[in-house]
Amino acid sequence: MKTLTIILTAIIVTLLWLSCTEQTTNKVALIPERSPADTLLESISTSDDSATRILFGELTLYISGIALWEEPGKGYLSMQGDTGFLYPEIGADAENTVFRVQNNGMFNVEVAQCYRNSITVSDEGALCVISGWKHHQSPWESLRMDEKGIFACIPHNKAEMEKFPAYSKQELKRNIRKHCGEIWLERAFAKRPDELGNPVEVSVNELILRFSYLHPDGKPLTRYLVLEIPLGC
């Protein structure tokens, strides 16, 4: 009788184990596959820091120092050809960006950066960036990897921050109307107290990283990562 009880107990345990295994298998099967867009950016934790992993073409980047936010309709990272766009949160300082590069079999990876200035129109916290017009782009500066394999962005040169191609007042009006609208044109040239300053000014609105490397088949490749610097609402 004791032997029969042991056998029955063993059978019941086996059946329960098989049932749990089947349920687990079914649950795993119900998890949807991730689309390529889902794998573009995901948060990871390293042993000594918190970084964001970006699958960027043939490379993998681990970026820290800035918080990123999801641009409506674009996600965290949007790609246009060989160029990716990242959107730091408002208040984030792009100059604090540090990152590692995993070459994934690519050779001779070189990294450089530059800043881009645009004309902005401000009004009590609201802001319009005329990004579709003229720009000033600072010279490319090579970034050097430190002994820990980290690249750190170089702070922008204050003299470069105010540079912009020459333009006429009529050009300015035409492009404010085109890119911002009639209301912003009125705001740009409305009379205002001197302490509020000029509503039209030059602002640094993009940090651009350039990645140049060699594919194993010998083909040279270049990709760009643009950090859209948040300037206001």
Protein backbone atom coordinates (compact mmCIF):
# COMPACT_ATOMS: atom_id res chain seq x y z
CA MET A 1 0.00 0.00 0.00
CA LYS A 2 2.84 2.38 0.89
CA THR A 3 4.57 1.63 -2.41
CA LEU A 4 1.36 2.39 -4.36
CA THR A 5 0.99 5.72 -2.55
CA ILE A 6 4.55 6.71 -3.47
CA ILE A 7 3.95 5.77 -7.13
CA LEU A 8 0.69 7.78 -7.28
CA THR A 9 2.39 10.78 -5.66
CA ALA A 10 5.20 10.64 -8.20
CA ILE A 11 2.69 10.49 -11.07
CA ILE A 12 0.77 13.51 -9.74
CA VAL A 13 3.97 15.56 -9.29
CA THR A 14 5.06 14.68 -12.84
CA LEU A 15 1.68 15.73 -14.28
CA LEU A 16 1.77 19.04 -12.41
CA TRP A 17 5.32 19.73 -13.65
CA LEU A 18 4.32 19.01 -17.25
CA SER A 19 1.29 21.28 -16.88
CA CYS A 20 3.42 24.17 -15.57
CA THR A 21 5.97 23.64 -18.33
CA GLU A 22 3.24 23.77 -20.97
CA GLN A 23 1.80 26.98 -19.51
CA THR A 24 5.20 28.60 -19.42
CA THR A 25 5.85 27.59 -23.01
CA ASN A 26 2.51 29.04 -24.07
CA LYS A 27 3.22 32.32 -22.26
CA VAL A 28 6.56 32.69 -24.01
CA ALA A 29 4.93 32.02 -27.36
CA LEU A 30 2.45 34.84 -26.73
CA ILE A 31 5.19 37.48 -26.33
CA PRO A 32 5.20 39.48 -29.61
CA GLU A 33 8.40 39.76 -31.56
CA ARG A 34 10.13 43.12 -31.32
CA SER A 35 10.10 45.22 -34.44
CA PRO A 36 13.33 46.81 -35.74
CA ALA A 37 12.10 50.18 -34.42
CA ASP A 38 11.85 48.74 -30.90
CA THR A 39 15.51 47.76 -30.94
CA LEU A 40 16.82 51.20 -31.89
CA LEU A 41 17.04 52.40 -28.32
CA GLU A 42 16.69 50.71 -24.94
CA SER A 43 17.86 51.52 -21.43
CA ILE A 44 20.52 49.34 -19.84
CA SER A 45 22.38 49.38 -16.53
CA THR A 46 26.12 48.97 -16.31
CA SER A 47 28.11 48.16 -13.20
CA ASP A 48 29.03 51.78 -12.50
CA ASP A 49 26.70 53.92 -14.58
CA SER A 50 23.36 54.12 -16.31
CA ALA A 51 23.53 54.40 -20.07
CA THR A 52 21.31 54.20 -23.12
CA ARG A 53 22.14 51.61 -25.74
CA ILE A 54 21.55 52.67 -29.34
CA LEU A 55 21.81 50.30 -32.28
CA PHE A 56 23.16 52.80 -34.78
CA GLY A 57 23.79 51.30 -38.19
CA GLU A 58 26.71 48.91 -37.89
CA LEU A 59 27.74 50.32 -34.50
CA THR A 60 26.34 50.11 -30.98
CA LEU A 61 26.53 53.26 -28.85
CA TYR A 62 26.24 53.51 -25.06
CA ILE A 63 25.31 57.10 -24.23
CA SER A 64 25.14 58.65 -20.76
CA GLY A 65 25.24 62.10 -19.22
CA ILE A 66 21.91 63.23 -20.71
CA ALA A 67 18.28 62.16 -20.34
CA LEU A 68 16.39 61.41 -23.55
CA TRP A 69 12.70 61.79 -24.21
CA GLU A 70 10.34 60.35 -26.78
CA GLU A 71 9.55 62.84 -29.53
CA PRO A 72 5.86 62.48 -30.52
CA GLY A 73 5.63 60.58 -33.78
CA LYS A 74 9.39 60.03 -33.89
CA GLY A 75 10.27 57.99 -30.81
CA TYR A 76 13.63 58.30 -29.08
CA LEU A 77 15.72 57.91 -32.21
CA SER A 78 14.64 58.67 -35.76
CA MET A 79 16.71 57.79 -38.83
CA GLN A 80 16.92 59.64 -42.13
CA GLY A 81 19.37 57.88 -44.43
CA ASP A 82 22.77 57.83 -42.75
CA THR A 83 21.70 60.33 -40.06
CA GLY A 84 20.05 59.62 -36.70
CA PHE A 85 18.30 62.19 -34.50
CA LEU A 86 18.17 62.03 -30.70
CA TYR A 87 15.98 64.24 -28.52
CA PRO A 88 17.38 65.18 -25.08
CA GLU A 89 14.90 66.22 -22.42
CA ILE A 90 14.30 69.91 -21.78
CA GLY A 91 17.02 71.14 -19.46
CA ALA A 92 19.52 68.50 -20.57
CA ASP A 93 22.98 69.82 -21.43
CA ALA A 94 24.33 68.17 -24.57
CA GLU A 95 27.85 69.18 -23.56
CA ASN A 96 27.67 66.59 -20.78
CA THR A 97 27.25 63.74 -23.26
CA VAL A 98 29.69 60.86 -22.87
CA PHE A 99 29.56 57.58 -24.74
CA ARG A 100 31.24 54.32 -25.63
CA VAL A 101 31.35 52.80 -29.10
CA GLN A 102 31.08 49.08 -29.75
CA ASN A 103 32.50 48.61 -33.24
CA ASN A 104 30.82 45.24 -33.99
CA GLY A 105 33.61 44.21 -36.34
CA MET A 106 34.08 47.62 -38.01
CA PHE A 107 37.60 49.02 -38.28
CA ASN A 108 39.29 52.38 -37.65
CA VAL A 109 36.33 54.05 -35.97
CA GLU A 110 36.89 57.81 -35.73
CA VAL A 111 34.54 60.26 -34.00
CA ALA A 112 34.22 64.02 -34.46
CA GLN A 113 31.73 66.65 -33.35
CA CYS A 114 30.45 70.08 -34.32
CA TYR A 115 27.72 72.48 -33.19
CA ARG A 116 25.11 74.16 -35.37
CA ASN A 117 23.54 77.58 -34.74
CA SER A 118 20.10 78.71 -35.89
CA ILE A 119 18.00 81.86 -35.55
CA THR A 120 15.36 81.67 -32.82
CA VAL A 121 12.43 83.91 -31.93
CA SER A 122 11.36 83.92 -28.27
CA ASP A 123 8.34 85.28 -26.44
CA GLU A 124 7.94 84.78 -22.67
CA GLY A 125 9.24 81.20 -22.65
CA ALA A 126 7.73 80.19 -26.00
CA LEU A 127 10.25 79.71 -28.77
CA CYS A 128 10.39 79.16 -32.52
CA VAL A 129 13.59 77.75 -34.04
CA ILE A 130 14.07 78.57 -37.72
CA SER A 131 15.75 75.26 -38.49
CA GLY A 132 14.92 75.27 -42.20
CA TRP A 133 16.91 78.38 -43.06
CA LYS A 134 20.56 79.40 -42.78
CA HIS A 135 22.90 77.94 -40.16
CA HIS A 136 26.37 78.41 -38.83
CA GLN A 137 28.24 75.16 -38.30
CA SER A 138 31.37 75.14 -36.15
CA PRO A 139 34.50 73.36 -37.41
CA TRP A 140 34.69 69.60 -36.86
CA GLU A 141 36.68 68.62 -33.77
CA SER A 142 38.04 65.11 -33.30
CA LEU A 143 37.07 63.33 -30.09
CA ARG A 144 39.65 61.16 -28.36
CA MET A 145 38.84 58.01 -26.45
CA ASP A 146 40.21 57.89 -22.90
CA GLU A 147 41.87 54.92 -21.21
CA LYS A 148 38.44 53.55 -20.21
CA GLY A 149 37.15 53.60 -23.77
CA ILE A 150 34.97 56.68 -23.18
CA PHE A 151 34.40 59.59 -25.57
CA ALA A 152 33.39 62.94 -24.02
CA CYS A 153 31.85 65.80 -25.99
CA ILE A 154 33.74 69.10 -26.08
CA PRO A 155 31.95 72.21 -24.72
CA HIS A 156 31.09 74.69 -27.44
CA ASN A 157 33.32 77.68 -27.98
CA LYS A 158 31.53 80.83 -26.78
CA ALA A 159 32.82 82.76 -29.77
CA GLU A 160 31.22 80.18 -32.08
CA MET A 161 27.89 80.43 -30.25
CA GLU A 162 27.14 83.87 -31.73
CA LYS A 163 28.25 83.23 -35.31
CA PHE A 164 25.71 83.26 -38.13
CA PRO A 165 25.78 84.06 -41.88
CA ALA A 166 24.86 87.60 -42.85
CA TYR A 167 21.23 88.29 -43.75
CA SER A 168 18.98 91.25 -44.52
CA LYS A 169 15.96 92.34 -42.51
CA GLN A 170 13.69 91.34 -45.38
CA GLU A 171 15.26 87.86 -45.49
CA LEU A 172 14.68 87.50 -41.77
CA LYS A 173 11.03 88.58 -42.01
CA ARG A 174 10.40 86.27 -44.94
CA ASN A 175 11.83 83.24 -43.15
CA ILE A 176 10.14 83.92 -39.82
CA ARG A 177 6.83 84.10 -41.69
CA LYS A 178 7.64 80.93 -43.66
CA HIS A 179 8.94 78.74 -40.83
CA CYS A 180 7.16 80.17 -37.75
CA GLY A 181 4.06 81.95 -39.00
CA GLU A 182 2.55 85.43 -39.00
CA ILE A 183 2.06 85.58 -35.23
CA TRP A 184 5.77 84.99 -34.64
CA LEU A 185 6.63 87.67 -37.18
CA GLU A 186 4.55 90.13 -35.16
CA ARG A 187 6.25 89.01 -31.95
CA ALA A 188 9.71 89.36 -33.48
CA PHE A 189 9.24 93.03 -34.39
CA ALA A 190 6.80 94.19 -31.70
CA LYS A 191 7.96 96.95 -29.36
CA ARG A 192 8.97 95.58 -25.96
CA PRO A 193 10.80 96.79 -22.84
CA ASP A 194 14.58 96.85 -23.13
CA GLU A 195 14.97 94.48 -20.16
CA LEU A 196 13.26 91.72 -22.15
CA GLY A 197 16.05 91.81 -24.71
CA ASN A 198 15.91 91.13 -28.43
CA PRO A 199 13.42 88.33 -29.25
CA VAL A 200 15.48 87.38 -32.32
CA GLU A 201 18.85 85.82 -31.53
CA VAL A 202 21.35 83.16 -32.53
CA SER A 203 21.10 79.92 -30.54
CA VAL A 204 23.04 76.66 -30.55
CA ASN A 205 20.36 74.08 -31.39
CA GLU A 206 22.24 70.98 -32.55
CA LEU A 207 25.24 68.92 -31.49
CA ILE A 208 26.34 66.68 -34.36
CA LEU A 209 28.51 63.58 -33.91
CA ARG A 210 30.22 62.07 -36.96
CA PHE A 211 31.27 58.41 -37.00
CA SER A 212 33.68 57.36 -39.76
CA TYR A 213 34.83 53.77 -40.06
CA LEU A 214 35.79 50.96 -42.40
CA HIS A 215 33.53 48.01 -43.17
CA PRO A 216 35.22 44.55 -43.20
CA ASP A 217 34.67 44.46 -46.99
CA GLY A 218 36.84 47.58 -47.28
CA LYS A 219 34.02 50.07 -47.85
CA PRO A 220 34.40 53.39 -45.95
CA LEU A 221 31.23 54.44 -44.10
CA THR A 222 30.14 57.64 -42.36
CA ARG A 223 27.10 58.14 -40.14
CA TYR A 224 25.88 61.20 -38.24
CA LEU A 225 24.06 61.43 -34.91
CA VAL A 226 22.30 64.75 -34.27
CA LEU A 227 21.34 65.71 -30.72
CA GLU A 228 18.52 68.24 -30.98
CA ILE A 229 19.29 70.65 -28.12
CA PRO A 230 16.02 71.64 -26.39
CA LEU A 231 15.76 75.44 -26.23
CA GLY A 232 12.24 76.00 -24.96
CA CYS A 233 8.56 75.26 -25.49
